Protein backbone atom coordinates (compact mmCIF):
# COMPACT_ATOMS: atom_id res chain seq x y z
CA MET A 1 -5.04 -2.81 -15.20
CA LYS A 2 -1.44 -1.94 -14.44
CA LEU A 3 0.37 -2.08 -11.09
CA THR A 4 3.58 -0.13 -10.53
CA ILE A 5 5.53 -0.46 -7.30
CA ILE A 6 6.58 3.05 -6.29
CA GLY A 7 7.88 2.18 -2.83
CA CYS A 8 8.28 -1.13 -1.04
CA SER A 9 10.63 -0.38 1.86
CA GLY A 10 9.30 -1.28 5.29
CA SER A 11 9.25 1.08 8.28
CA PHE A 12 11.53 3.68 6.64
CA PRO A 13 12.92 4.38 3.16
CA GLY A 14 15.83 2.27 2.00
CA PRO A 15 18.72 3.05 -0.34
CA ASP A 16 16.80 1.77 -3.37
CA SER A 17 13.18 2.43 -2.48
CA PRO A 18 10.81 4.81 -0.72
CA SER A 19 8.37 3.53 1.85
CA SER A 20 5.09 1.87 0.87
CA CYS A 21 3.31 3.18 -2.22
CA TYR A 22 1.66 1.33 -5.12
CA LEU A 23 0.17 2.83 -8.28
CA LEU A 24 -2.81 1.19 -9.99
CA GLU A 25 -3.97 2.41 -13.42
CA ALA A 26 -6.95 1.57 -15.62
CA GLU A 27 -8.89 3.53 -18.23
CA GLY A 28 -6.68 6.58 -17.64
CA PHE A 29 -7.51 6.62 -13.89
CA ARG A 30 -4.62 6.56 -11.41
CA MET A 31 -5.01 5.42 -7.80
CA LEU A 32 -2.42 5.05 -5.04
CA LEU A 33 -2.43 2.42 -2.33
CA ASP A 34 -0.53 4.12 0.52
CA PHE A 35 1.75 7.14 0.22
CA GLY A 36 4.70 6.56 2.54
CA ASN A 37 7.70 8.79 3.14
CA GLY A 38 9.82 9.36 0.05
CA ALA A 39 7.18 8.13 -2.39
CA LEU A 40 6.27 11.47 -3.95
CA GLY A 41 9.69 11.85 -5.59
CA ALA A 42 9.72 8.37 -7.12
CA LEU A 43 6.07 8.68 -8.21
CA GLN A 44 7.04 11.45 -10.63
CA ARG A 45 9.10 8.97 -12.66
CA HIS A 46 5.86 7.25 -13.64
CA ILE A 47 3.05 9.83 -13.78
CA GLY A 48 2.69 13.59 -13.80
CA LEU A 49 2.86 15.49 -10.54
CA TYR A 50 -0.84 16.38 -10.63
CA ASP A 51 -2.15 13.10 -12.07
CA VAL A 52 -3.29 11.24 -8.92
CA ASP A 53 -7.06 10.63 -9.05
CA ALA A 54 -7.60 8.80 -5.73
CA ILE A 55 -5.67 7.49 -2.72
CA CYS A 56 -6.36 4.59 -0.34
CA LEU A 57 -4.42 4.54 2.94
CA SER A 58 -4.16 1.20 4.71
CA HIS A 59 -3.30 2.83 8.04
CA LEU A 60 -1.80 5.96 9.56
CA HIS A 61 1.77 4.92 10.38
CA ALA A 62 4.24 7.34 8.82
CA ASP A 63 5.76 4.85 6.39
CA HIS A 64 2.33 4.45 4.78
CA CYS A 65 0.95 7.98 4.74
CA LEU A 66 3.53 10.70 5.40
CA ASP A 67 3.95 11.93 1.82
CA MET A 68 0.34 13.08 1.95
CA CYS A 69 1.87 16.20 3.55
CA PRO A 70 4.11 17.26 0.65
CA TYR A 71 1.37 16.26 -1.78
CA HIS A 72 -0.91 18.71 0.02
CA VAL A 73 1.64 21.40 -0.86
CA VAL A 74 1.63 20.26 -4.51
CA ARG A 75 -2.13 20.48 -4.84
CA THR A 76 -2.64 23.62 -2.74
CA TYR A 77 0.21 25.85 -3.91
CA SER A 78 0.70 24.80 -7.54
CA PRO A 79 1.66 27.66 -9.92
CA HIS A 80 -1.60 26.82 -11.69
CA GLY A 81 -3.57 27.58 -8.56
CA PRO A 82 -5.28 25.13 -6.17
CA LEU A 83 -6.18 21.85 -7.82
CA PRO A 84 -9.40 19.83 -7.35
CA ARG A 85 -9.55 17.80 -4.16
CA VAL A 86 -8.47 14.16 -4.39
CA PRO A 87 -10.66 11.56 -2.66
CA VAL A 88 -8.72 9.82 0.12
CA TYR A 89 -10.10 6.63 1.67
CA ALA A 90 -8.48 6.29 5.09
CA PRO A 91 -9.05 5.05 8.64
CA ALA A 92 -10.74 7.25 11.22
CA GLY A 93 -8.77 10.28 12.33
CA ALA A 94 -6.78 10.70 9.12
CA PRO A 95 -7.38 14.48 8.71
CA ARG A 96 -6.28 15.18 12.28
CA ARG A 97 -3.30 12.81 12.13
CA LEU A 98 -2.00 14.24 8.86
CA ALA A 99 -2.59 17.85 9.88
CA ALA A 100 -0.49 17.21 12.99
CA ALA A 101 2.28 15.74 10.83
CA TYR A 102 2.09 18.75 8.50
CA GLY A 103 2.56 21.00 11.53
CA MET A 104 1.34 24.33 10.17
CA PRO A 105 -1.37 25.49 12.61
CA ASP A 106 -1.86 28.86 10.91
CA GLU A 107 -2.90 27.21 7.64
CA PRO A 108 -6.13 25.35 6.82
CA GLY A 109 -6.17 21.59 7.27
CA LEU A 110 -5.39 19.13 4.51
CA GLU A 111 -9.06 19.05 3.57
CA THR A 112 -8.29 21.89 1.14
CA ALA A 113 -6.46 19.35 -1.04
CA PHE A 114 -8.13 16.07 -0.06
CA ASP A 115 -11.68 14.82 0.34
CA PHE A 116 -11.34 12.34 3.19
CA VAL A 117 -13.70 9.34 3.27
CA ARG A 118 -13.61 7.14 6.37
CA LEU A 119 -12.79 3.53 5.58
CA THR A 120 -15.01 0.74 6.85
CA PRO A 121 -14.95 -2.93 5.87
CA GLY A 122 -16.75 -3.56 2.62
CA VAL A 123 -16.82 -2.94 -1.12
CA PHE A 124 -16.83 0.44 -2.85
CA GLU A 125 -16.16 1.88 -6.30
CA VAL A 126 -13.25 4.23 -7.03
CA GLY A 127 -13.19 5.37 -10.65
CA PRO A 128 -13.10 2.18 -12.76
CA PHE A 129 -11.94 0.05 -9.82
CA THR A 130 -13.91 -2.10 -7.40
CA VAL A 131 -12.14 -1.91 -4.04
CA THR A 132 -12.69 -4.25 -1.12
CA ALA A 133 -11.35 -3.20 2.29
CA ALA A 134 -10.94 -5.68 5.14
CA PRO A 135 -9.41 -5.26 8.61
CA VAL A 136 -6.07 -6.98 9.15
CA ASN A 137 -3.98 -7.73 12.23
CA HIS A 138 -1.88 -4.71 13.27
CA PRO A 139 -1.74 -2.60 16.46
CA VAL A 140 -3.64 0.33 14.89
CA GLU A 141 -6.73 0.36 12.66
CA THR A 142 -5.40 -1.17 9.45
CA TYR A 143 -7.00 -2.42 6.24
CA GLY A 144 -5.92 -4.70 3.47
CA PHE A 145 -7.26 -3.97 0.01
CA ARG A 146 -8.37 -5.92 -3.03
CA VAL A 147 -8.57 -3.88 -6.22
CA SER A 148 -10.39 -5.39 -9.20
CA HIS A 149 -10.94 -4.32 -12.79
CA GLY A 150 -11.76 -6.19 -15.98
CA GLY A 151 -11.70 -9.59 -14.32
CA ARG A 152 -8.26 -9.05 -12.74
CA SER A 153 -7.43 -8.44 -9.08
CA VAL A 154 -4.54 -7.21 -6.97
CA ALA A 155 -4.63 -7.84 -3.23
CA TYR A 156 -2.54 -5.84 -0.77
CA SER A 157 -1.91 -6.87 2.82
CA GLY A 158 -1.11 -3.49 4.32
CA ASP A 159 0.80 -4.22 7.52
CA THR A 160 -0.38 -7.32 9.30
CA GLY A 161 0.42 -10.30 11.43
CA GLU A 162 -1.19 -13.61 10.58
CA SER A 163 -4.70 -12.89 9.32
CA ALA A 164 -7.58 -15.07 8.17
CA GLU A 165 -9.15 -11.91 6.72
CA LEU A 166 -6.17 -11.47 4.42
CA VAL A 167 -6.61 -14.99 3.06
CA LYS A 168 -10.28 -14.28 2.28
CA LEU A 169 -9.46 -10.89 0.79
CA ALA A 170 -6.77 -12.32 -1.52
CA SER A 171 -8.65 -15.47 -2.58
CA GLY A 172 -7.89 -16.20 -6.24
CA ALA A 173 -6.14 -12.86 -6.84
CA ASP A 174 -3.75 -12.47 -9.75
CA VAL A 175 -1.18 -10.71 -7.53
CA LEU A 176 -0.82 -10.59 -3.77
CA LEU A 177 1.37 -7.78 -2.47
CA CYS A 178 2.15 -9.20 0.94
CA GLU A 179 4.29 -7.72 3.63
CA ALA A 180 7.29 -9.79 4.77
CA SER A 181 8.94 -7.61 7.38
CA PHE A 182 10.53 -10.19 9.67
CA LEU A 183 13.14 -12.90 9.41
CA GLU A 184 12.31 -16.13 11.20
CA ARG A 185 13.47 -16.17 14.82
CA PRO A 186 12.03 -17.19 18.20
CA GLY A 187 9.82 -14.77 20.06
CA LEU A 188 8.54 -12.64 17.19
CA PRO A 189 5.69 -10.38 18.37
CA ALA A 190 2.22 -11.51 17.38
CA GLY A 191 -0.17 -9.26 15.52
CA LEU A 192 2.46 -7.00 14.02
CA HIS A 193 4.19 -8.27 10.84
CA LEU A 194 4.79 -11.43 8.79
CA THR A 195 7.88 -13.39 7.83
CA GLY A 196 8.49 -14.52 4.27
CA ARG A 197 7.33 -18.02 5.22
CA GLN A 198 4.10 -16.70 6.70
CA ALA A 199 3.45 -14.53 3.66
CA ALA A 200 3.83 -17.59 1.44
CA GLU A 201 1.48 -19.58 3.67
CA HIS A 202 -1.18 -16.89 3.23
CA ALA A 203 -0.61 -16.92 -0.54
CA ALA A 204 -0.98 -20.70 -0.63
CA ARG A 205 -4.24 -20.65 1.35
CA ALA A 206 -5.58 -17.86 -0.88
CA ASP A 207 -4.51 -19.70 -4.07
CA VAL A 208 -3.13 -16.57 -5.73
CA ASP A 209 -1.14 -16.62 -8.95
CA THR A 210 1.81 -14.43 -7.96
CA LEU A 211 3.18 -13.47 -4.55
CA VAL A 212 5.19 -10.24 -4.35
CA LEU A 213 6.97 -9.87 -1.01
CA THR A 214 6.97 -6.25 0.07
CA HIS A 215 7.45 -3.95 3.09
CA LEU A 216 11.07 -5.11 3.06
CA VAL A 217 12.91 -3.58 6.02
CA PRO A 218 16.37 -2.36 4.94
CA TRP A 219 18.27 -3.89 7.87
CA TYR A 220 17.30 -7.43 6.80
CA ASP A 221 18.77 -9.49 3.95
CA GLN A 222 16.05 -9.58 1.28
CA GLU A 223 17.40 -12.78 -0.23
CA ARG A 224 16.89 -14.49 3.12
CA ILE A 225 13.30 -13.25 3.15
CA LEU A 226 12.82 -14.81 -0.29
CA GLN A 227 14.53 -18.04 0.79
CA GLU A 228 12.30 -18.33 3.84
CA ALA A 229 9.24 -17.78 1.65
CA SER A 230 10.15 -20.98 -0.18
CA LEU A 231 9.32 -22.85 3.05
CA GLY A 232 5.70 -21.64 3.08
CA GLY A 233 4.22 -24.20 0.69
CA PHE A 234 3.22 -21.76 -2.05
CA GLY A 235 3.60 -23.23 -5.54
CA GLY A 236 3.11 -20.09 -7.60
CA ARG A 237 5.53 -17.41 -8.67
CA THR A 238 7.21 -15.62 -5.77
CA GLU A 239 9.43 -12.55 -6.04
CA LEU A 240 10.71 -9.59 -4.08
CA ALA A 241 9.10 -6.23 -4.63
CA ARG A 242 11.27 -3.66 -6.37
CA SER A 243 10.70 0.06 -6.76
CA GLY A 244 9.80 0.72 -10.39
CA ALA A 245 8.59 -2.82 -11.13
CA LEU A 246 5.56 -2.93 -13.45
CA TYR A 247 2.91 -5.65 -13.59
CA ASP A 248 0.56 -5.43 -16.59
CA LEU A 249 -2.52 -7.48 -15.77
CA GLY A 250 -4.19 -6.85 -19.09
């Protein structure tokens, strides 16, 4: 199983990264976790334009799903003709939400390119992957994911505040992609995002091997996020996410 970080910028694209998007590959199957704004361009550095086999969307905020709209164009209006529909596992309301973002009322909905499957908590199979979805702590319906293959696992927080479900989801994972959107300061809103320290505390409780801090908001100093993570009591490897970074889990 291979993990490639396509986009890791939080809330909006940054100068060096699109918004949230992660590529998982195994046995020739390619699955995306989230497809935020700007991700489609960077994705083409790593796989072919038509090579996505499945998509999981953690939630329906624009920085996690908006490039579904241009990818609809790719799969509907390709010079080769319409391509087979891609399964998309997403929270309730995804077809309506994305059709509104696409904004073309005279055209069919995005169901011409995508086969939407409503997410619920639990375990399901996607190609060679076993995927576990669990609700996390964010103002809209949001899921974290654990993707397993060949005895290896990657856990992904989605967007979340402090979450016992995330600790259970990530337990013993090889890699935890954990959002770290905030710097430490008084009065941070609850149930929205994590700091680097809080991300590390979740990683420590879950006993993961590697913590990758992601959803890095461009107006914050990423090195401070990493420094604050060192206060969270996690003894494993900790690093900042970077667009283009590859993790080969064997």
